[in-house]
Amino acid sequence: QVQLAESGGGLVQPGGSLRLSCVVFGDIFSRYAMNWYRQAPGKQREWVAAITPGGTTSYVDSVKGRFTISRDNGKNTMYLQMNSLLLEDTAVYYCNGRNTFTSRQYWGQGTQVTVSS
């Protein structure tokens, strides 16, 4: 059974940094296209960043230059380095993975990021 587990959320002041991690259990991680999404209170879930199996990355405009998505296939793990955090980055962050061989996709349970002074 495939499971995704996020970690690394927390409370940080504006301008601070956090690094989120997402570990994929139960499958071949290198086959996965991975994404980060977030959902702020009262808002719809929005896509934040993506990384392909080959390492190509893309970002929503609001985080470009501040967030960096990466992956370590040897550790079955995806990361989101978040710098220069803003109040509006406050949200529950979810990792999403799609097996590019089967097209099945999976979600983690989310990790809370709160940016507050």
N, C-alpha and C. Protein backbone atom coordinates (compact mmCIF):
# COMPACT_ATOMS: atom_id res chain seq x y z
N GLN A 1 0.85 -1.19 0.00
CA GLN A 1 0.00 0.00 0.00
C GLN A 1 0.89 1.24 0.00
N VAL A 2 0.60 2.15 -0.90
CA VAL A 2 1.40 3.36 -1.02
C VAL A 2 0.93 4.39 0.00
N GLN A 3 1.88 4.98 0.69
CA GLN A 3 1.57 6.04 1.65
C GLN A 3 2.56 7.18 1.47
N LEU A 4 2.05 8.39 1.66
CA LEU A 4 2.88 9.59 1.63
C LEU A 4 2.80 10.24 2.99
N ALA A 5 3.94 10.65 3.51
CA ALA A 5 3.98 11.24 4.84
C ALA A 5 4.79 12.52 4.82
N GLU A 6 4.11 13.64 5.16
CA GLU A 6 4.78 14.93 5.23
C GLU A 6 5.29 15.19 6.64
N SER A 7 6.31 16.02 6.71
CA SER A 7 6.81 16.50 8.00
C SER A 7 7.52 17.83 7.77
N GLY A 8 7.80 18.52 8.88
CA GLY A 8 8.58 19.74 8.80
C GLY A 8 7.82 21.02 8.98
N GLY A 9 6.50 20.94 9.11
CA GLY A 9 5.73 22.15 9.32
C GLY A 9 5.96 22.73 10.71
N GLY A 10 5.42 23.92 10.91
CA GLY A 10 5.56 24.56 12.21
C GLY A 10 5.21 26.02 12.17
N LEU A 11 5.58 26.71 13.23
CA LEU A 11 5.34 28.14 13.38
C LEU A 11 6.64 28.89 13.10
N VAL A 12 6.56 29.89 12.25
CA VAL A 12 7.75 30.65 11.90
C VAL A 12 7.38 32.11 11.72
N GLN A 13 8.31 33.00 11.99
CA GLN A 13 8.06 34.43 11.83
C GLN A 13 8.17 34.83 10.36
N PRO A 14 7.52 35.90 9.97
CA PRO A 14 7.69 36.40 8.60
C PRO A 14 9.17 36.59 8.27
N GLY A 15 9.54 36.18 7.07
CA GLY A 15 10.94 36.25 6.66
C GLY A 15 11.75 35.02 7.01
N GLY A 16 11.17 34.13 7.78
CA GLY A 16 11.86 32.92 8.19
C GLY A 16 11.82 31.83 7.14
N SER A 17 12.35 30.67 7.53
CA SER A 17 12.45 29.53 6.60
C SER A 17 11.97 28.25 7.27
N LEU A 18 11.49 27.35 6.44
CA LEU A 18 11.14 26.00 6.85
C LEU A 18 11.46 25.07 5.69
N ARG A 19 11.73 23.80 6.03
CA ARG A 19 11.88 22.79 5.00
C ARG A 19 10.90 21.66 5.27
N LEU A 20 10.04 21.43 4.30
CA LEU A 20 9.09 20.33 4.37
C LEU A 20 9.67 19.10 3.69
N SER A 21 9.28 17.95 4.19
CA SER A 21 9.68 16.68 3.59
C SER A 21 8.45 15.83 3.32
N CYS A 22 8.53 15.01 2.29
CA CYS A 22 7.46 14.06 1.98
C CYS A 22 8.12 12.74 1.60
N VAL A 23 7.86 11.73 2.39
CA VAL A 23 8.42 10.41 2.14
C VAL A 23 7.33 9.53 1.50
N VAL A 24 7.72 8.80 0.47
CA VAL A 24 6.81 7.87 -0.18
C VAL A 24 7.17 6.45 0.24
N PHE A 25 6.19 5.76 0.78
CA PHE A 25 6.37 4.38 1.23
C PHE A 25 5.61 3.44 0.30
N GLY A 26 6.20 2.30 0.01
CA GLY A 26 5.45 1.24 -0.65
C GLY A 26 5.48 1.22 -2.16
N ASP A 27 6.35 2.02 -2.77
CA ASP A 27 6.42 2.01 -4.23
C ASP A 27 7.78 2.54 -4.67
N ILE A 28 7.98 2.55 -5.98
CA ILE A 28 9.25 2.99 -6.54
C ILE A 28 9.20 4.49 -6.76
N PHE A 29 9.82 5.23 -5.86
CA PHE A 29 9.70 6.68 -5.83
C PHE A 29 10.16 7.33 -7.13
N SER A 30 11.17 6.77 -7.75
CA SER A 30 11.72 7.38 -8.97
C SER A 30 10.72 7.42 -10.11
N ARG A 31 9.63 6.66 -10.02
CA ARG A 31 8.60 6.68 -11.05
C ARG A 31 7.59 7.81 -10.86
N TYR A 32 7.68 8.51 -9.75
CA TYR A 32 6.65 9.45 -9.35
C TYR A 32 6.93 10.88 -9.79
N ALA A 33 5.90 11.51 -10.37
CA ALA A 33 5.86 12.95 -10.49
C ALA A 33 5.26 13.48 -9.19
N MET A 34 5.96 14.42 -8.57
CA MET A 34 5.58 14.87 -7.24
C MET A 34 5.17 16.34 -7.24
N ASN A 35 4.25 16.65 -6.36
CA ASN A 35 3.75 18.02 -6.23
C ASN A 35 3.57 18.40 -4.77
N TRP A 36 3.65 19.68 -4.53
CA TRP A 36 3.20 20.26 -3.27
C TRP A 36 1.97 21.11 -3.56
N TYR A 37 0.97 20.97 -2.70
CA TYR A 37 -0.22 21.80 -2.71
C TYR A 37 -0.35 22.43 -1.32
N ARG A 38 -1.19 23.46 -1.25
CA ARG A 38 -1.49 24.04 0.06
C ARG A 38 -2.93 24.51 0.09
N GLN A 39 -3.45 24.55 1.31
CA GLN A 39 -4.82 25.03 1.50
C GLN A 39 -4.86 25.92 2.72
N ALA A 40 -5.17 27.19 2.46
CA ALA A 40 -5.31 28.16 3.54
C ALA A 40 -6.73 28.13 4.06
N PRO A 41 -6.93 28.58 5.29
CA PRO A 41 -8.29 28.58 5.85
C PRO A 41 -9.28 29.33 4.96
N GLY A 42 -10.39 28.69 4.64
CA GLY A 42 -11.42 29.33 3.85
C GLY A 42 -11.14 29.42 2.37
N LYS A 43 -10.05 28.81 1.94
CA LYS A 43 -9.68 28.88 0.52
C LYS A 43 -9.60 27.48 -0.09
N GLN A 44 -9.61 27.44 -1.40
CA GLN A 44 -9.45 26.16 -2.09
C GLN A 44 -7.99 25.73 -2.07
N ARG A 45 -7.79 24.46 -2.20
CA ARG A 45 -6.43 23.94 -2.29
C ARG A 45 -5.79 24.44 -3.58
N GLU A 46 -4.55 24.90 -3.48
CA GLU A 46 -3.85 25.39 -4.66
C GLU A 46 -2.54 24.65 -4.85
N TRP A 47 -2.19 24.47 -6.10
CA TRP A 47 -0.92 23.86 -6.45
C TRP A 47 0.21 24.86 -6.17
N VAL A 48 1.32 24.36 -5.64
CA VAL A 48 2.44 25.22 -5.26
C VAL A 48 3.68 24.95 -6.14
N ALA A 49 4.04 23.67 -6.26
CA ALA A 49 5.28 23.35 -6.98
C ALA A 49 5.22 21.90 -7.43
N ALA A 50 6.02 21.60 -8.45
CA ALA A 50 6.07 20.25 -9.00
C ALA A 50 7.50 19.88 -9.37
N ILE A 51 7.77 18.59 -9.33
CA ILE A 51 9.05 18.07 -9.81
C ILE A 51 8.78 16.75 -10.51
N THR A 52 9.32 16.64 -11.73
CA THR A 52 9.12 15.43 -12.52
C THR A 52 10.09 14.33 -12.07
N PRO A 53 9.88 13.12 -12.55
CA PRO A 53 10.86 12.06 -12.24
C PRO A 53 12.28 12.44 -12.68
N GLY A 54 12.38 13.21 -13.73
CA GLY A 54 13.69 13.62 -14.22
C GLY A 54 14.27 14.83 -13.53
N GLY A 55 13.48 15.46 -12.64
CA GLY A 55 13.99 16.59 -11.87
C GLY A 55 13.61 17.96 -12.39
N THR A 56 12.79 18.04 -13.41
CA THR A 56 12.32 19.33 -13.89
C THR A 56 11.33 19.92 -12.89
N THR A 57 11.50 21.20 -12.58
CA THR A 57 10.68 21.83 -11.55
C THR A 57 9.83 22.95 -12.13
N SER A 58 8.73 23.24 -11.44
CA SER A 58 7.87 24.37 -11.79
C SER A 58 7.19 24.86 -10.51
N TYR A 59 6.79 26.15 -10.55
CA TYR A 59 6.27 26.81 -9.36
C TYR A 59 5.11 27.73 -9.71
N VAL A 60 4.22 27.91 -8.76
CA VAL A 60 3.22 28.96 -8.88
C VAL A 60 3.95 30.29 -8.73
N ASP A 61 3.46 31.32 -9.39
CA ASP A 61 4.17 32.60 -9.43
C ASP A 61 4.43 33.16 -8.03
N SER A 62 3.50 32.96 -7.12
CA SER A 62 3.61 33.60 -5.80
C SER A 62 4.77 33.07 -4.96
N VAL A 63 5.36 31.94 -5.33
CA VAL A 63 6.46 31.39 -4.54
C VAL A 63 7.78 31.36 -5.31
N LYS A 64 7.75 31.75 -6.56
CA LYS A 64 8.98 31.73 -7.36
C LYS A 64 10.05 32.62 -6.71
N GLY A 65 11.25 32.07 -6.64
CA GLY A 65 12.36 32.80 -6.03
C GLY A 65 12.44 32.65 -4.53
N ARG A 66 11.40 32.08 -3.92
CA ARG A 66 11.40 31.89 -2.46
C ARG A 66 11.40 30.42 -2.07
N PHE A 67 10.69 29.59 -2.85
CA PHE A 67 10.57 28.17 -2.53
C PHE A 67 11.40 27.36 -3.54
N THR A 68 11.94 26.24 -3.07
CA THR A 68 12.67 25.33 -3.93
C THR A 68 12.21 23.91 -3.67
N ILE A 69 11.74 23.24 -4.73
CA ILE A 69 11.34 21.84 -4.63
C ILE A 69 12.51 20.97 -5.09
N SER A 70 12.69 19.84 -4.43
CA SER A 70 13.77 18.93 -4.81
C SER A 70 13.37 17.52 -4.42
N ARG A 71 14.17 16.56 -4.86
CA ARG A 71 13.89 15.17 -4.53
C ARG A 71 15.19 14.41 -4.36
N ASP A 72 15.12 13.37 -3.53
CA ASP A 72 16.25 12.45 -3.33
C ASP A 72 15.69 11.06 -3.53
N ASN A 73 15.92 10.51 -4.71
CA ASN A 73 15.34 9.20 -5.03
C ASN A 73 15.90 8.10 -4.14
N GLY A 74 17.12 8.27 -3.67
CA GLY A 74 17.71 7.27 -2.79
C GLY A 74 17.04 7.20 -1.44
N LYS A 75 16.38 8.31 -1.07
CA LYS A 75 15.68 8.37 0.23
C LYS A 75 14.17 8.36 0.07
N ASN A 76 13.69 8.18 -1.15
CA ASN A 76 12.23 8.18 -1.40
C ASN A 76 11.57 9.45 -0.88
N THR A 77 12.26 10.56 -0.99
CA THR A 77 11.81 11.79 -0.33
C THR A 77 11.83 12.98 -1.27
N MET A 78 10.80 13.80 -1.12
CA MET A 78 10.71 15.09 -1.79
C MET A 78 10.78 16.17 -0.72
N TYR A 79 11.34 17.32 -1.10
CA TYR A 79 11.49 18.42 -0.16
C TYR A 79 10.87 19.70 -0.73
N LEU A 80 10.52 20.60 0.18
CA LEU A 80 10.16 21.96 -0.21
C LEU A 80 10.87 22.90 0.75
N GLN A 81 11.92 23.54 0.24
CA GLN A 81 12.62 24.56 1.02
C GLN A 81 11.89 25.87 0.85
N MET A 82 11.41 26.43 1.94
CA MET A 82 10.63 27.66 1.90
C MET A 82 11.39 28.77 2.62
N ASN A 83 11.78 29.78 1.89
CA ASN A 83 12.50 30.93 2.44
C ASN A 83 11.66 32.19 2.30
N SER A 84 12.04 33.21 3.06
CA SER A 84 11.35 34.50 2.99
C SER A 84 9.84 34.33 3.12
N LEU A 85 9.46 33.58 4.10
CA LEU A 85 8.04 33.24 4.28
C LEU A 85 7.22 34.49 4.59
N LEU A 86 6.01 34.50 4.02
CA LEU A 86 5.07 35.59 4.18
C LEU A 86 3.85 35.11 4.97
N LEU A 87 3.12 36.07 5.52
CA LEU A 87 1.91 35.71 6.26
C LEU A 87 0.98 34.87 5.39
N GLU A 88 0.91 35.21 4.11
CA GLU A 88 -0.01 34.52 3.21
C GLU A 88 0.44 33.12 2.82
N ASP A 89 1.61 32.71 3.28
CA ASP A 89 2.05 31.32 3.07
C ASP A 89 1.45 30.38 4.10
N THR A 90 0.77 30.93 5.08
CA THR A 90 0.13 30.11 6.11
C THR A 90 -0.91 29.20 5.48
N ALA A 91 -0.77 27.90 5.71
CA ALA A 91 -1.67 26.92 5.10
C ALA A 91 -1.28 25.53 5.59
N VAL A 92 -2.15 24.58 5.29
CA VAL A 92 -1.77 23.17 5.40
C VAL A 92 -1.15 22.78 4.06
N TYR A 93 0.03 22.23 4.13
CA TYR A 93 0.75 21.83 2.92
C TYR A 93 0.63 20.32 2.73
N TYR A 94 0.26 19.93 1.52
CA TYR A 94 0.05 18.53 1.18
C TYR A 94 1.02 18.09 0.08
N CYS A 95 1.54 16.91 0.20
CA CYS A 95 2.29 16.36 -0.91
C CYS A 95 1.39 15.42 -1.71
N ASN A 96 1.65 15.39 -2.98
CA ASN A 96 0.89 14.60 -3.93
C ASN A 96 1.87 13.89 -4.83
N GLY A 97 1.61 12.64 -5.08
CA GLY A 97 2.48 11.88 -5.97
C GLY A 97 1.67 11.11 -7.00
N ARG A 98 2.14 11.14 -8.23
CA ARG A 98 1.49 10.38 -9.30
C ARG A 98 2.49 9.42 -9.91
N ASN A 99 2.15 8.14 -9.85
CA ASN A 99 2.99 7.12 -10.47
C ASN A 99 2.86 7.27 -11.98
N THR A 100 3.92 7.60 -12.65
CA THR A 100 3.84 7.85 -14.09
C THR A 100 3.68 6.57 -14.90
N PHE A 101 3.84 5.41 -14.27
CA PHE A 101 3.62 4.14 -14.96
C PHE A 101 2.15 3.74 -14.90
N THR A 102 1.48 4.01 -13.78
CA THR A 102 0.10 3.55 -13.59
C THR A 102 -0.92 4.69 -13.61
N SER A 103 -0.43 5.93 -13.49
CA SER A 103 -1.25 7.14 -13.36
C SER A 103 -2.02 7.22 -12.05
N ARG A 104 -1.80 6.31 -11.15
CA ARG A 104 -2.44 6.42 -9.85
C ARG A 104 -1.78 7.55 -9.07
N GLN A 105 -2.60 8.28 -8.32
CA GLN A 105 -2.03 9.35 -7.52
C GLN A 105 -2.45 9.20 -6.06
N TYR A 106 -1.63 9.76 -5.21
CA TYR A 106 -1.79 9.61 -3.78
C TYR A 106 -1.53 10.94 -3.10
N TRP A 107 -2.13 11.09 -1.92
CA TRP A 107 -1.98 12.31 -1.13
C TRP A 107 -1.47 11.99 0.27
N GLY A 108 -0.68 12.90 0.80
CA GLY A 108 -0.34 12.84 2.20
C GLY A 108 -1.44 13.47 3.04
N GLN A 109 -1.25 13.43 4.34
CA GLN A 109 -2.26 13.95 5.27
C GLN A 109 -2.10 15.44 5.54
N GLY A 110 -0.98 16.00 5.17
CA GLY A 110 -0.78 17.43 5.33
C GLY A 110 0.04 17.79 6.55
N THR A 111 0.71 18.93 6.44
CA THR A 111 1.47 19.47 7.57
C THR A 111 1.20 20.97 7.64
N GLN A 112 0.96 21.46 8.84
CA GLN A 112 0.58 22.85 9.03
C GLN A 112 1.80 23.76 9.03
N VAL A 113 1.72 24.80 8.23
CA VAL A 113 2.72 25.87 8.25
C VAL A 113 2.01 27.15 8.65
N THR A 114 2.49 27.76 9.72
CA THR A 114 1.91 29.01 10.20
C THR A 114 2.99 30.07 10.25
N VAL A 115 2.75 31.15 9.52
CA VAL A 115 3.68 32.29 9.50
C VAL A 115 3.02 33.41 10.28
N SER A 116 3.64 33.77 11.39
CA SER A 116 3.03 34.76 12.27
C SER A 116 4.10 35.45 13.10
N SER A 117 3.87 36.72 13.36
CA SER A 117 4.78 37.46 14.22
C SER A 117 4.28 37.42 15.66
